[in-house]
Amino acid sequence: MQPHVSPARARLSRREFLQRATGSVLAAGLAPRFLPAGVLAANGQPGANDRIGIGFIGIGRQGSALLQGALRRPATRVVAFADVNLPRAQAIAAKHQVVAVQDYRRLLERKDVDAIFTATLDHWRSLVVIHACLAGKDVYAEKPLTLTIREGRLMVRAARRYGRVVQTGSQQRSMRENIVGCALVRSGAIGRITKVYAQNYPSP
């Protein structure tokens, strides 16, 4: 799901910047590649008013991987963390000298948060996305974006109504290795499959 901001609400700096964010999150869990357009200062670095204030909702294993990707992007600045496990959020926030909260709604109230990354448990994802749209924040949400069709419809409605950019990671659908692998299986090129090995990531 990637609703588009209406032209009337579009702005060259922040809006267009986030619209150009890509969803090619690598298997290692890197954040989407934000590609700034027209927001860089003369010296090749974003000016203070052009940097995107990012808040993280859910900062466990995947959220931490997204954080590392965001930190490599000079046009972003991390300003707050929210996690139901408050000590975990506080520990990470202390390293970056930013704010930590337990209730993600407090993070969404912050004026310095322009967009959020969320990597909560699956059943929280739709509510976080909808609340972020209501708060005027753009969103990058980890997959699965929703557990039900109804939740998906409500997220689309919120994103369109409030003119938000909402993007979800789907690297296992777009990675070349997976596409080629699926083609090999479907075409029968590698013969009859009798055994499949899969990774089972431990819960943090």
Protein backbone atom coordinates (compact mmCIF):
# COMPACT_ATOMS: atom_id res chain seq x y z
CA MET A 1 0.00 0.00 0.00
CA GLN A 2 1.47 3.33 -1.01
CA PRO A 3 -1.15 6.07 -1.15
CA HIS A 4 -0.06 9.24 -2.95
CA VAL A 5 -0.26 12.69 -1.48
CA SER A 6 -2.63 14.96 -3.38
CA PRO A 7 -0.84 17.60 -5.51
CA ALA A 8 -2.46 20.39 -3.53
CA ARG A 9 -0.80 19.16 -0.36
CA ALA A 10 2.50 18.21 -1.88
CA ARG A 11 5.65 20.10 -0.91
CA LEU A 12 8.97 19.87 -2.66
CA SER A 13 10.98 19.26 0.47
CA ARG A 14 9.44 16.95 3.02
CA ARG A 15 6.56 15.49 1.03
CA GLU A 16 8.46 14.73 -2.15
CA PHE A 17 11.39 13.49 -0.12
CA LEU A 18 9.28 10.87 1.62
CA GLN A 19 7.36 9.93 -1.52
CA ARG A 20 10.65 8.93 -3.10
CA ALA A 21 11.54 6.59 -0.26
CA THR A 22 12.07 3.09 -1.59
CA GLY A 23 10.97 -0.14 0.03
CA SER A 24 14.01 -2.21 -0.82
CA VAL A 25 14.75 -3.23 2.73
CA LEU A 26 17.57 -5.76 2.55
CA ALA A 27 17.38 -9.21 4.07
CA ALA A 28 19.56 -7.96 6.90
CA GLY A 29 16.77 -5.59 7.83
CA LEU A 30 18.15 -2.31 6.51
CA ALA A 31 15.81 0.67 6.43
CA PRO A 32 14.25 1.80 3.18
CA ARG A 33 16.55 3.95 1.08
CA PHE A 34 15.45 7.54 1.42
CA LEU A 35 16.52 9.51 -1.65
CA PRO A 36 16.22 13.28 -1.07
CA ALA A 37 15.16 15.43 -4.02
CA GLY A 38 15.69 19.15 -3.80
CA VAL A 39 16.29 19.21 -0.06
CA LEU A 40 20.08 19.19 0.15
CA ALA A 41 21.93 22.28 1.31
CA ALA A 42 24.64 23.82 -0.84
CA ASN A 43 27.45 21.86 0.80
CA GLY A 44 25.84 18.54 -0.05
CA GLN A 45 24.30 18.07 3.38
CA PRO A 46 20.68 18.73 4.34
CA GLY A 47 19.99 21.94 6.16
CA ALA A 48 18.48 21.85 9.63
CA ASN A 49 14.98 22.62 8.34
CA ASP A 50 15.20 19.97 5.64
CA ARG A 51 16.10 16.98 7.77
CA ILE A 52 13.28 14.54 8.40
CA GLY A 53 12.47 13.95 12.07
CA ILE A 54 11.94 10.21 12.55
CA GLY A 55 10.23 8.48 15.44
CA PHE A 56 10.51 4.73 15.99
CA ILE A 57 7.55 2.76 17.32
CA GLY A 58 8.70 -0.71 18.31
CA ILE A 59 12.46 -0.90 18.72
CA GLY A 60 13.16 -4.61 19.04
CA ARG A 61 15.20 -6.67 16.59
CA GLN A 62 13.67 -5.39 13.35
CA GLY A 63 13.17 -1.87 14.63
CA SER A 64 16.82 -1.73 15.63
CA ALA A 65 17.84 -2.86 12.14
CA LEU A 66 15.70 -0.12 10.60
CA LEU A 67 17.33 2.36 12.96
CA GLN A 68 20.79 1.50 11.68
CA GLY A 69 19.65 2.16 8.13
CA ALA A 70 18.08 5.50 9.09
CA LEU A 71 21.23 6.62 10.87
CA ARG A 72 23.19 6.23 7.64
CA ARG A 73 20.94 8.71 5.85
CA PRO A 74 22.16 12.29 6.35
CA ALA A 75 18.71 13.72 5.56
CA THR A 76 17.12 11.98 8.55
CA ARG A 77 17.41 12.65 12.25
CA VAL A 78 16.09 10.33 14.94
CA VAL A 79 14.16 12.21 17.59
CA ALA A 80 12.19 9.69 19.67
CA PHE A 81 11.58 6.02 20.47
CA ALA A 82 8.42 4.31 21.72
CA ASP A 83 8.23 0.76 22.94
CA VAL A 84 5.97 -1.11 25.33
CA ASN A 85 9.23 -2.34 26.86
CA LEU A 86 10.17 1.05 28.26
CA PRO A 87 13.62 0.10 29.63
CA ARG A 88 14.60 -1.11 26.16
CA ALA A 89 13.45 2.15 24.58
CA GLN A 90 15.21 4.18 27.26
CA ALA A 91 18.48 2.32 26.76
CA ILE A 92 18.50 2.98 23.03
CA ALA A 93 17.31 6.57 23.45
CA ALA A 94 20.15 7.26 25.90
CA LYS A 95 22.70 6.24 23.27
CA HIS A 96 21.28 8.78 20.83
CA GLN A 97 20.34 11.43 23.40
CA VAL A 98 16.69 11.50 22.40
CA VAL A 99 13.34 10.87 24.06
CA ALA A 100 11.87 7.48 25.03
CA VAL A 101 8.21 6.83 25.81
CA GLN A 102 6.13 3.75 26.48
CA ASP A 103 2.86 4.99 24.97
CA TYR A 104 3.42 5.53 21.25
CA ARG A 105 0.66 8.13 21.18
CA ARG A 106 2.95 10.46 23.13
CA LEU A 107 5.51 10.10 20.35
CA LEU A 108 2.89 10.95 17.72
CA GLU A 109 2.06 14.16 19.58
CA ARG A 110 5.57 15.51 19.08
CA LYS A 111 5.93 18.37 16.58
CA ASP A 112 9.50 17.37 15.73
CA VAL A 113 8.39 13.95 14.45
CA ASP A 114 7.64 14.17 10.72
CA ALA A 115 7.44 10.44 10.02
CA ILE A 116 7.60 7.15 11.86
CA PHE A 117 9.08 3.73 11.37
CA THR A 118 7.09 1.01 13.03
CA ALA A 119 8.10 -2.60 13.57
CA THR A 120 5.69 -3.61 16.30
CA LEU A 121 4.09 -7.00 16.66
CA ASP A 122 1.80 -7.74 13.73
CA HIS A 123 -1.48 -7.22 15.55
CA TRP A 124 -0.50 -3.66 16.52
CA ARG A 125 0.54 -2.50 13.08
CA SER A 126 -2.76 -1.25 11.67
CA LEU A 127 -3.64 0.79 14.75
CA VAL A 128 -0.22 2.46 14.81
CA VAL A 129 -0.46 3.33 11.11
CA ILE A 130 -3.96 4.78 11.44
CA HIS A 131 -3.03 6.82 14.50
CA ALA A 132 0.10 8.10 12.75
CA CYS A 133 -1.97 9.27 9.79
CA LEU A 134 -4.42 10.99 12.13
CA ALA A 135 -1.46 12.74 13.77
CA GLY A 136 -0.18 13.99 10.41
CA LYS A 137 2.86 11.70 10.23
CA ASP A 138 4.10 9.76 7.23
CA VAL A 139 4.76 6.08 7.79
CA TYR A 140 7.12 3.26 6.96
CA ALA A 141 5.62 0.07 8.41
CA GLU A 142 7.12 -3.38 8.45
CA LYS A 143 5.31 -6.31 6.93
CA PRO A 144 2.79 -7.73 7.34
CA LEU A 145 1.06 -4.39 7.15
CA THR A 146 -2.24 -5.83 8.30
CA LEU A 147 -3.81 -9.06 9.45
CA THR A 148 -7.25 -8.50 7.89
CA ILE A 149 -8.73 -6.93 4.77
CA ARG A 150 -10.84 -4.65 6.96
CA GLU A 151 -7.76 -3.25 8.70
CA GLY A 152 -6.13 -2.67 5.34
CA ARG A 153 -9.12 -0.72 4.06
CA LEU A 154 -9.12 1.46 7.16
CA MET A 155 -5.41 2.21 6.75
CA VAL A 156 -5.89 3.17 3.11
CA ARG A 157 -8.80 5.40 4.06
CA ALA A 158 -6.79 7.14 6.79
CA ALA A 159 -3.77 7.67 4.55
CA ARG A 160 -5.87 9.16 1.75
CA ARG A 161 -8.04 11.30 3.98
CA TYR A 162 -5.08 12.90 5.74
CA GLY A 163 -2.77 13.01 2.74
CA ARG A 164 -0.07 10.78 4.24
CA VAL A 165 2.64 8.73 2.59
CA VAL A 166 2.41 5.14 3.82
CA GLN A 167 4.88 2.51 2.70
CA THR A 168 5.46 -1.07 3.74
CA GLY A 169 8.50 -3.28 3.40
CA SER A 170 8.12 -6.32 1.17
CA GLN A 171 11.68 -7.27 0.33
CA GLN A 172 10.94 -10.99 0.26
CA ARG A 173 8.55 -10.32 -2.61
CA SER A 174 10.90 -8.04 -4.53
CA MET A 175 14.36 -9.50 -3.88
CA ARG A 176 15.87 -10.94 -7.07
CA GLU A 177 16.94 -14.16 -5.31
CA ASN A 178 13.39 -14.93 -4.26
CA ILE A 179 11.91 -14.08 -7.65
CA VAL A 180 14.39 -16.38 -9.40
CA GLY A 181 13.83 -19.12 -6.85
CA CYS A 182 10.06 -18.99 -7.34
CA ALA A 183 10.51 -19.14 -11.12
CA LEU A 184 12.76 -22.19 -10.83
CA VAL A 185 10.22 -24.02 -8.69
CA ARG A 186 7.20 -23.10 -10.80
CA SER A 187 8.86 -24.00 -14.08
CA GLY A 188 10.02 -27.37 -12.78
CA ALA A 189 13.59 -26.49 -13.77
CA ILE A 190 15.00 -27.93 -10.54
CA GLY A 191 12.81 -31.01 -10.50
CA ARG A 192 10.45 -32.23 -7.82
CA ILE A 193 10.89 -30.49 -4.44
CA THR A 194 11.01 -32.98 -1.58
CA LYS A 195 12.42 -30.90 1.25
CA VAL A 196 12.46 -27.19 2.12
CA TYR A 197 14.66 -25.49 4.71
CA ALA A 198 13.50 -22.21 6.23
CA GLN A 199 14.84 -19.85 8.86
CA ASN A 200 12.92 -19.60 12.12
CA TYR A 201 13.99 -16.34 13.72
CA PRO A 202 13.84 -16.47 17.52
CA SER A 203 11.62 -13.92 19.19
CA PRO A 204 13.51 -11.14 20.99
